[in-house]
Amino acid sequence: SSFNHAHLVRCLTSQASAPPKKPLNGYLRFIMQQKPVLTRHNPEIKSVDIVRKIAQQWRTLSAEQKQVFSKEASLRAREQFKVDLQRYNAQLTPTQIQQQALEKRQRMAKRKALRKKRELTNLGKPKRPRSSFNIYMSEHFEEARGATTPAKMKSLMEDWRNLLIHQKQVYAQLAEDDKIRYKNEMKSWEDHMMEIGREDLIREQTLSNKKRTAAKTAKAKVVKKAAATGKSKTTRKTAKSSSVKTVRTIRKI
């Protein structure tokens, strides 16, 4: 039946069991050990504050004390993890292995994108320009109809479509102004990135323009230098010719 076929496909593509979890590092092992104790003695303290207290305790431990949590227990856990992982991988079908590889690549790509975004934020990269609708939405979101965000978005879309041309023009002008803001801020930011040696963060178009400008400047300098050299040679030649004529005149006298 179709139900049995669908069930079979799910069985073949889904994982037979959850993969073993990687062993905890020394710091996390210390937290796992200390948290129940502190929670029992301080039931009124929030969980986040408990973890802060444990972190302070960890910082006061000597290197030898930390080693107990970081090395000995970790070694045993790593060995057990290897055994569990081999056992888990042995039961996977080729389809499941391919699916896991795909999911791993997707996770890695997502992490990389998040790291890049965080880095750009820390480096102060300007925010992209907003569209006219985005500006309208941010101004009217609070009073928009609807109890949920999607409902508010829907009502704002309807209101936006019903605006008159001259009303939309106000937001179109604001959007144009924001484009100019973005352009100016990006120029300053990319100039700064060049100064600190982060050309890898600069847009390709900007790099191409900068290289063309640099090439033109270098060429202009060469031409100017050549012209100055030629002028100097001409001046020396004229001076030499003049001195020769003077000598000849004196001899004739």
C-alpha atoms as a PDB file:
ATOM      1  CA  SER A   1       0.000   0.000   0.000  1.00  0.00           C
ATOM      2  CA  SER A   2       0.985   3.664  -0.340  1.00  0.00           C
ATOM      3  CA  PHE A   3       1.166   3.973   3.463  1.00  0.00           C
ATOM      4  CA  ASN A   4       3.644   1.084   3.749  1.00  0.00           C
ATOM      5  CA  HIS A   5       5.750   2.510   0.917  1.00  0.00           C
ATOM      6  CA  ALA A   6       5.909   5.963   2.578  1.00  0.00           C
ATOM      7  CA  HIS A   7       6.743   4.345   5.916  1.00  0.00           C
ATOM      8  CA  LEU A   8       9.564   2.345   4.268  1.00  0.00           C
ATOM      9  CA  VAL A   9      11.027   5.505   2.678  1.00  0.00           C
ATOM     10  CA  ARG A  10      11.001   7.277   6.044  1.00  0.00           C
ATOM     11  CA  CYS A  11      12.744   4.336   7.674  1.00  0.00           C
ATOM     12  CA  LEU A  12      15.446   4.296   5.006  1.00  0.00           C
ATOM     13  CA  THR A  13      16.123   8.044   5.068  1.00  0.00           C
ATOM     14  CA  SER A  14      15.734   8.792   8.765  1.00  0.00           C
ATOM     15  CA  GLN A  15      18.367   7.951  11.346  1.00  0.00           C
ATOM     16  CA  ALA A  16      17.966   4.652  13.173  1.00  0.00           C
ATOM     17  CA  SER A  17      19.007   6.300  16.446  1.00  0.00           C
ATOM     18  CA  ALA A  18      20.412   9.587  17.681  1.00  0.00           C
ATOM     19  CA  PRO A  19      24.167  10.056  17.160  1.00  0.00           C
ATOM     20  CA  PRO A  20      26.375  10.018  20.279  1.00  0.00           C
ATOM     21  CA  LYS A  21      27.058  13.419  21.794  1.00  0.00           C
ATOM     22  CA  LYS A  22      30.598  14.786  21.863  1.00  0.00           C
ATOM     23  CA  PRO A  23      32.250  14.686  25.300  1.00  0.00           C
ATOM     24  CA  LEU A  24      32.084  17.829  27.442  1.00  0.00           C
ATOM     25  CA  ASN A  25      35.218  19.895  28.048  1.00  0.00           C
ATOM     26  CA  GLY A  26      36.643  20.411  31.547  1.00  0.00           C
ATOM     27  CA  TYR A  27      34.788  23.663  32.232  1.00  0.00           C
ATOM     28  CA  LEU A  28      31.389  22.192  31.318  1.00  0.00           C
ATOM     29  CA  ARG A  29      32.118  19.108  33.438  1.00  0.00           C
ATOM     30  CA  PHE A  30      32.831  21.412  36.384  1.00  0.00           C
ATOM     31  CA  ILE A  31      29.508  23.217  35.814  1.00  0.00           C
ATOM     32  CA  MET A  32      27.602  19.901  35.658  1.00  0.00           C
ATOM     33  CA  GLN A  33      29.181  18.871  38.967  1.00  0.00           C
ATOM     34  CA  GLN A  34      28.726  22.150  40.843  1.00  0.00           C
ATOM     35  CA  LYS A  35      25.312  23.331  39.599  1.00  0.00           C
ATOM     36  CA  PRO A  36      23.118  20.834  41.553  1.00  0.00           C
ATOM     37  CA  VAL A  37      25.051  21.620  44.756  1.00  0.00           C
ATOM     38  CA  LEU A  38      24.709  25.407  44.432  1.00  0.00           C
ATOM     39  CA  THR A  39      21.064  25.162  43.332  1.00  0.00           C
ATOM     40  CA  ARG A  40      20.230  23.027  46.381  1.00  0.00           C
ATOM     41  CA  HIS A  41      21.875  25.523  48.768  1.00  0.00           C
ATOM     42  CA  ASN A  42      20.585  28.623  46.930  1.00  0.00           C
ATOM     43  CA  PRO A  43      17.085  27.811  45.590  1.00  0.00           C
ATOM     44  CA  GLU A  44      16.182  31.517  45.297  1.00  0.00           C
ATOM     45  CA  ILE A  45      19.027  32.325  42.861  1.00  0.00           C
ATOM     46  CA  LYS A  46      18.322  32.282  39.114  1.00  0.00           C
ATOM     47  CA  SER A  47      19.996  29.638  36.960  1.00  0.00           C
ATOM     48  CA  VAL A  48      22.030  32.237  35.018  1.00  0.00           C
ATOM     49  CA  ASP A  49      23.416  33.659  38.291  1.00  0.00           C
ATOM     50  CA  ILE A  50      24.282  30.146  39.470  1.00  0.00           C
ATOM     51  CA  VAL A  51      26.358  29.624  36.319  1.00  0.00           C
ATOM     52  CA  ARG A  52      28.089  32.990  36.910  1.00  0.00           C
ATOM     53  CA  LYS A  53      29.068  31.888  40.426  1.00  0.00           C
ATOM     54  CA  ILE A  54      30.424  28.593  39.068  1.00  0.00           C
ATOM     55  CA  ALA A  55      32.418  30.502  36.422  1.00  0.00           C
ATOM     56  CA  GLN A  56      33.991  32.597  39.200  1.00  0.00           C
ATOM     57  CA  GLN A  57      34.860  29.414  41.100  1.00  0.00           C
ATOM     58  CA  TRP A  58      36.450  27.928  37.965  1.00  0.00           C
ATOM     59  CA  ARG A  59      38.685  30.983  37.570  1.00  0.00           C
ATOM     60  CA  THR A  60      39.991  30.561  41.123  1.00  0.00           C
ATOM     61  CA  LEU A  61      41.011  26.908  40.574  1.00  0.00           C
ATOM     62  CA  SER A  62      44.697  26.103  40.114  1.00  0.00           C
ATOM     63  CA  ALA A  63      45.970  24.575  36.866  1.00  0.00           C
ATOM     64  CA  GLU A  64      46.315  21.201  38.648  1.00  0.00           C
ATOM     65  CA  GLN A  65      42.708  21.307  39.866  1.00  0.00           C
ATOM     66  CA  LYS A  66      41.417  22.186  36.395  1.00  0.00           C
ATOM     67  CA  GLN A  67      43.479  19.343  34.946  1.00  0.00           C
ATOM     68  CA  VAL A  68      41.394  16.823  36.880  1.00  0.00           C
ATOM     69  CA  PHE A  69      38.286  17.928  34.986  1.00  0.00           C
ATOM     70  CA  SER A  70      39.973  18.709  31.681  1.00  0.00           C
ATOM     71  CA  LYS A  71      42.276  15.737  31.138  1.00  0.00           C
ATOM     72  CA  GLU A  72      41.532  12.574  33.069  1.00  0.00           C
ATOM     73  CA  ALA A  73      37.732  12.558  32.761  1.00  0.00           C
ATOM     74  CA  SER A  74      37.939  13.937  29.221  1.00  0.00           C
ATOM     75  CA  LEU A  75      40.259  11.144  28.062  1.00  0.00           C
ATOM     76  CA  ARG A  76      37.864   8.473  29.253  1.00  0.00           C
ATOM     77  CA  ALA A  77      34.917  10.297  27.658  1.00  0.00           C
ATOM     78  CA  ARG A  78      36.739  10.708  24.328  1.00  0.00           C
ATOM     79  CA  GLU A  79      37.582   7.007  24.182  1.00  0.00           C
ATOM     80  CA  GLN A  80      33.962   6.107  24.926  1.00  0.00           C
ATOM     81  CA  PHE A  81      32.777   8.608  22.302  1.00  0.00           C
ATOM     82  CA  LYS A  82      34.977   6.966  19.636  1.00  0.00           C
ATOM     83  CA  VAL A  83      33.521   3.537  20.430  1.00  0.00           C
ATOM     84  CA  ASP A  84      29.943   4.860  20.395  1.00  0.00           C
ATOM     85  CA  LEU A  85      30.526   6.761  17.150  1.00  0.00           C
ATOM     86  CA  GLN A  86      31.949   3.684  15.368  1.00  0.00           C
ATOM     87  CA  ARG A  87      28.988   1.621  16.527  1.00  0.00           C
ATOM     88  CA  TYR A  88      26.567   4.336  15.377  1.00  0.00           C
ATOM     89  CA  ASN A  89      28.213   4.787  11.937  1.00  0.00           C
ATOM     90  CA  ALA A  90      28.209   1.022  11.331  1.00  0.00           C
ATOM     91  CA  GLN A  91      24.392   0.894  11.463  1.00  0.00           C
ATOM     92  CA  LEU A  92      23.822   3.755   8.973  1.00  0.00           C
ATOM     93  CA  THR A  93      22.641   3.098   5.424  1.00  0.00           C
ATOM     94  CA  PRO A  94      24.358   4.835   2.440  1.00  0.00           C
ATOM     95  CA  THR A  95      21.318   7.153   2.145  1.00  0.00           C
ATOM     96  CA  GLN A  96      21.582   8.131   5.796  1.00  0.00           C
ATOM     97  CA  ILE A  97      25.331   8.786   5.424  1.00  0.00           C
ATOM     98  CA  GLN A  98      24.685  11.077   2.434  1.00  0.00           C
ATOM     99  CA  GLN A  99      21.931  12.872   4.340  1.00  0.00           C
ATOM    100  CA  GLN A 100      24.233  13.418   7.327  1.00  0.00           C
ATOM    101  CA  ALA A 101      27.004  14.781   5.079  1.00  0.00           C
ATOM    102  CA  LEU A 102      24.518  17.208   3.491  1.00  0.00           C
ATOM    103  CA  GLU A 103      23.221  18.362   6.879  1.00  0.00           C
ATOM    104  CA  LYS A 104      26.797  18.847   8.111  1.00  0.00           C
ATOM    105  CA  ARG A 105      27.665  21.030   5.075  1.00  0.00           C
ATOM    106  CA  GLN A 106      24.522  23.090   5.658  1.00  0.00           C
ATOM    107  CA  ARG A 107      25.386  23.574   9.352  1.00  0.00           C
ATOM    108  CA  MET A 108      28.947  24.601   8.471  1.00  0.00           C
ATOM    109  CA  ALA A 109      27.717  27.091   5.845  1.00  0.00           C
ATOM    110  CA  LYS A 110      25.227  28.552   8.326  1.00  0.00           C
ATOM    111  CA  ARG A 111      27.910  28.927  11.023  1.00  0.00           C
ATOM    112  CA  LYS A 112      30.280  30.551   8.534  1.00  0.00           C
ATOM    113  CA  ALA A 113      27.587  33.022   7.450  1.00  0.00           C
ATOM    114  CA  LEU A 114      26.792  33.882  11.085  1.00  0.00           C
ATOM    115  CA  ARG A 115      30.487  34.406  11.907  1.00  0.00           C
ATOM    116  CA  LYS A 116      30.863  36.660   8.852  1.00  0.00           C
ATOM    117  CA  LYS A 117      27.776  38.659   9.802  1.00  0.00           C
ATOM    118  CA  ARG A 118      29.008  39.049  13.402  1.00  0.00           C
ATOM    119  CA  GLU A 119      32.445  40.140  12.187  1.00  0.00           C
ATOM    120  CA  LEU A 120      30.986  42.748   9.812  1.00  0.00           C
ATOM    121  CA  THR A 121      28.770  44.092  12.607  1.00  0.00           C
ATOM    122  CA  ASN A 122      31.782  44.366  14.939  1.00  0.00           C
ATOM    123  CA  LEU A 123      33.714  46.190  12.211  1.00  0.00           C
ATOM    124  CA  GLY A 124      30.866  48.697  11.901  1.00  0.00           C
ATOM    125  CA  LYS A 125      29.694  47.885   8.382  1.00  0.00           C
ATOM    126  CA  PRO A 126      26.850  50.275   7.466  1.00  0.00           C
ATOM    127  CA  LYS A 127      23.305  48.918   7.327  1.00  0.00           C
ATOM    128  CA  ARG A 128      21.872  48.436   3.847  1.00  0.00           C
ATOM    129  CA  PRO A 129      19.440  51.088   2.597  1.00  0.00           C
ATOM    130  CA  ARG A 130      15.772  50.537   3.381  1.00  0.00           C
ATOM    131  CA  SER A 131      13.037  50.396   0.755  1.00  0.00           C
ATOM    132  CA  SER A 132      10.155  52.870   0.806  1.00  0.00           C
ATOM    133  CA  PHE A 133       7.834  50.142   2.153  1.00  0.00           C
ATOM    134  CA  ASN A 134      10.313  49.216   4.926  1.00  0.00           C
ATOM    135  CA  ILE A 135      10.415  52.841   6.071  1.00  0.00           C
ATOM    136  CA  TYR A 136       6.608  53.011   6.010  1.00  0.00           C
ATOM    137  CA  MET A 137       6.371  49.730   7.936  1.00  0.00           C
ATOM    138  CA  SER A 138       8.808  50.809  10.678  1.00  0.00           C
ATOM    139  CA  GLU A 139       6.861  54.059  11.180  1.00  0.00           C
ATOM    140  CA  HIS A 140       3.420  52.410  11.422  1.00  0.00           C
ATOM    141  CA  PHE A 141       4.152  48.950  12.858  1.00  0.00           C
ATOM    142  CA  GLU A 142       3.112  49.716  16.456  1.00  0.00           C
ATOM    143  CA  GLU A 143      -0.376  50.967  15.555  1.00  0.00           C
ATOM    144  CA  ALA A 144      -0.925  48.413  12.760  1.00  0.00           C
ATOM    145  CA  ARG A 145      -3.988  46.138  12.938  1.00  0.00           C
ATOM    146  CA  GLY A 146      -3.399  42.571  14.111  1.00  0.00           C
ATOM    147  CA  ALA A 147      -2.346  40.748  17.273  1.00  0.00           C
ATOM    148  CA  THR A 148       0.619  38.902  15.763  1.00  0.00           C
ATOM    149  CA  THR A 149       3.573  40.058  13.642  1.00  0.00           C
ATOM    150  CA  PRO A 150       2.341  38.261  10.470  1.00  0.00           C
ATOM    151  CA  ALA A 151      -1.121  39.820  10.947  1.00  0.00           C
ATOM    152  CA  LYS A 152       0.397  43.283  11.357  1.00  0.00           C
ATOM    153  CA  MET A 153       2.541  42.760   8.250  1.00  0.00           C
ATOM    154  CA  LYS A 154      -0.516  41.755   6.240  1.00  0.00           C
ATOM    155  CA  SER A 155      -2.512  44.817   7.320  1.00  0.00           C
ATOM    156  CA  LEU A 156       0.457  47.106   6.574  1.00  0.00           C
ATOM    157  CA  MET A 157       0.783  45.614   3.079  1.00  0.00           C
ATOM    158  CA  GLU A 158      -2.909  46.348   2.452  1.00  0.00           C
ATOM    159  CA  ASP A 159      -2.562  49.917   3.764  1.00  0.00           C
ATOM    160  CA  TRP A 160       0.542  50.455   1.625  1.00  0.00           C
ATOM    161  CA  ARG A 161      -1.269  49.325  -1.522  1.00  0.00           C
ATOM    162  CA  ASN A 162      -4.106  51.742  -0.755  1.00  0.00           C
ATOM    163  CA  LEU A 163      -1.859  54.794  -0.326  1.00  0.00           C
ATOM    164  CA  LEU A 164      -2.139  57.545  -2.908  1.00  0.00           C
ATOM    165  CA  ILE A 165       0.806  58.252  -5.241  1.00  0.00           C
ATOM    166  CA  HIS A 166       1.772  61.513  -3.504  1.00  0.00           C
ATOM    167  CA  GLN A 167       1.698  59.723  -0.104  1.00  0.00           C
ATOM    168  CA  LYS A 168       4.024  56.975  -1.368  1.00  0.00           C
ATOM    169  CA  GLN A 169       6.288  59.629  -2.886  1.00  0.00           C
ATOM    170  CA  VAL A 170       7.205  60.844   0.609  1.00  0.00           C
ATOM    171  CA  TYR A 171       8.592  57.402   1.490  1.00  0.00           C
ATOM    172  CA  ALA A 172      10.223  57.038  -1.938  1.00  0.00           C
ATOM    173  CA  GLN A 173      12.180  60.243  -1.234  1.00  0.00           C
ATOM    174  CA  LEU A 174      13.189  58.971   2.215  1.00  0.00           C
ATOM    175  CA  ALA A 175      14.390  55.748   0.576  1.00  0.00           C
ATOM    176  CA  GLU A 176      16.484  57.759  -1.923  1.00  0.00           C
ATOM    177  CA  ASP A 177      18.014  59.729   0.952  1.00  0.00           C
ATOM    178  CA  ASP A 178      18.839  56.455   2.693  1.00  0.00           C
ATOM    179  CA  LYS A 179      20.596  55.212  -0.454  1.00  0.00           C
ATOM    180  CA  ILE A 180      22.816  58.305  -0.411  1.00  0.00           C
ATOM    181  CA  ARG A 181      23.509  57.747   3.295  1.00  0.00           C
ATOM    182  CA  TYR A 182      24.501  54.143   2.585  1.00  0.00           C
ATOM    183  CA  LYS A 183      26.722  55.105  -0.351  1.00  0.00           C
ATOM    184  CA  ASN A 184      28.624  57.710   1.687  1.00  0.00           C
ATOM    185  CA  GLU A 185      28.969  55.470   4.758  1.00  0.00           C
ATOM    186  CA  MET A 186      30.139  52.521   2.627  1.00  0.00           C
ATOM    187  CA  LYS A 187      32.806  54.656   0.952  1.00  0.00           C
ATOM    188  CA  SER A 188      34.199  55.713   4.343  1.00  0.00           C
ATOM    189  CA  TRP A 189      33.957  52.156   5.697  1.00  0.00           C
ATOM    190  CA  GLU A 190      35.688  50.579   2.684  1.00  0.00           C
ATOM    191  CA  ASP A 191      38.444  53.205   2.794  1.00  0.00           C
ATOM    192  CA  HIS A 192      38.993  52.249   6.433  1.00  0.00           C
ATOM    193  CA  MET A 193      39.027  48.530   5.555  1.00  0.00           C
ATOM    194  CA  MET A 194      41.769  49.271   2.980  1.00  0.00           C
ATOM    195  CA  GLU A 195      43.769  51.087   5.656  1.00  0.00           C
ATOM    196  CA  ILE A 196      43.617  48.166   8.107  1.00  0.00           C
ATOM    197  CA  GLY A 197      44.409  45.566   5.424  1.00  0.00           C
ATOM    198  CA  ARG A 198      40.959  43.987   5.106  1.00  0.00           C
ATOM    199  CA  GLU A 199      40.560  44.132   1.324  1.00  0.00           C
ATOM    200  CA  ASP A 200      38.745  40.780   1.525  1.00  0.00           C
ATOM    201  CA  LEU A 201      35.696  42.618   2.928  1.00  0.00           C
ATOM    202  CA  ILE A 202      35.507  45.190   0.147  1.00  0.00           C
ATOM    203  CA  ARG A 203      33.055  44.795  -2.741  1.00  0.00           C
ATOM    204  CA  GLU A 204      34.590  43.650  -6.043  1.00  0.00           C
ATOM    205  CA  GLN A 205      33.263  46.682  -7.906  1.00  0.00           C
ATOM    206  CA  THR A 206      34.891  49.035  -5.386  1.00  0.00           C
ATOM    207  CA  LEU A 207      38.217  47.174  -5.648  1.00  0.00           C
ATOM    208  CA  SER A 208      38.106  47.371  -9.460  1.00  0.00           C
ATOM    209  CA  ASN A 209      37.421  51.111  -9.324  1.00  0.00           C
ATOM    210  CA  LYS A 210      40.236  51.677  -6.824  1.00  0.00           C
ATOM    211  CA  LYS A 211      42.671  49.678  -8.974  1.00  0.00           C
ATOM    212  CA  ARG A 212      41.708  51.655 -12.098  1.00  0.00           C
ATOM    213  CA  THR A 213      42.119  54.942 -10.222  1.00  0.00           C
ATOM    214  CA  ALA A 214      45.514  53.832  -8.852  1.00  0.00           C
ATOM    215  CA  ALA A 215      46.649  52.788 -12.358  1.00  0.00           C
ATOM    216  CA  LYS A 216      45.595  56.151 -13.825  1.00  0.00           C
ATOM    217  CA  THR A 217      47.384  58.027 -11.028  1.00  0.00           C
ATOM    218  CA  ALA A 218      50.564  55.974 -11.546  1.00  0.00           C
ATOM    219  CA  LYS A 219      50.432  56.570 -15.331  1.00  0.00           C
ATOM    220  CA  ALA A 220      49.923  60.315 -14.821  1.00  0.00           C
ATOM    221  CA  LYS A 221      52.967  60.416 -12.538  1.00  0.00           C
ATOM    222  CA  VAL A 222      55.107  58.621 -15.137  1.00  0.00           C
ATOM    223  CA  VAL A 223      53.983  61.026 -17.864  1.00  0.00           C
ATOM    224  CA  LYS A 224      54.620  64.032 -15.620  1.00  0.00           C
ATOM    225  CA  LYS A 225      58.058  62.721 -14.666  1.00  0.00           C
ATOM    226  CA  ALA A 226      58.917  62.052 -18.325  1.00  0.00           C
ATOM    227  CA  ALA A 227      57.772  65.542 -19.281  1.00  0.00           C
ATOM    228  CA  ALA A 228      59.843  67.069 -16.472  1.00  0.00           C
ATOM    229  CA  THR A 229      62.896  65.025 -17.520  1.00  0.00           C
ATOM    230  CA  GLY A 230      62.449  66.088 -21.162  1.00  0.00           C
ATOM    231  CA  LYS A 231      62.127  69.710 -20.172  1.00  0.00           C
ATOM    232  CA  SER A 232      65.258  69.479 -18.034  1.00  0.00           C
ATOM    233  CA  LYS A 233      67.232  67.935 -20.906  1.00  0.00           C
ATOM    234  CA  THR A 234      66.010  70.659 -23.290  1.00  0.00           C
ATOM    235  CA  THR A 235      67.038  73.356 -20.791  1.00  0.00           C
ATOM    236  CA  ARG A 236      70.509  71.811 -20.375  1.00  0.00           C
ATOM    237  CA  LYS A 237      70.886  71.460 -24.150  1.00  0.00           C
ATOM    238  CA  THR A 238      69.901  75.107 -24.709  1.00  0.00           C
ATOM    239  CA  ALA A 239      72.295  76.258 -21.986  1.00  0.00           C
ATOM    240  CA  LYS A 240      75.135  74.191 -23.491  1.00  0.00           C
ATOM    241  CA  SER A 241      74.441  75.546 -27.005  1.00  0.00           C
ATOM    242  CA  SER A 242      74.403  79.081 -25.659  1.00  0.00           C
ATOM    243  CA  SER A 243      77.737  78.600 -23.859  1.00  0.00           C
ATOM    244  CA  VAL A 244      79.336  77.160 -27.012  1.00  0.00           C
ATOM    245  CA  LYS A 245      78.183  80.188 -29.038  1.00  0.00           C
ATOM    246  CA  THR A 246      79.610  82.522 -26.385  1.00  0.00           C
ATOM    247  CA  VAL A 247      82.995  80.759 -26.511  1.00  0.00           C
ATOM    248  CA  ARG A 248      83.086  80.966 -30.312  1.00  0.00           C
ATOM    249  CA  THR A 249      82.306  84.697 -30.213  1.00  0.00           C
ATOM    250  CA  ILE A 250      85.110  85.359 -27.711  1.00  0.00           C
ATOM    251  CA  ARG A 251      87.592  83.435 -29.875  1.00  0.00           C
ATOM    252  CA  LYS A 252      86.682  85.483 -32.936  1.00  0.00           C
ATOM    253  CA  ILE A 253      87.368  88.667 -30.956  1.00  0.00           C
END
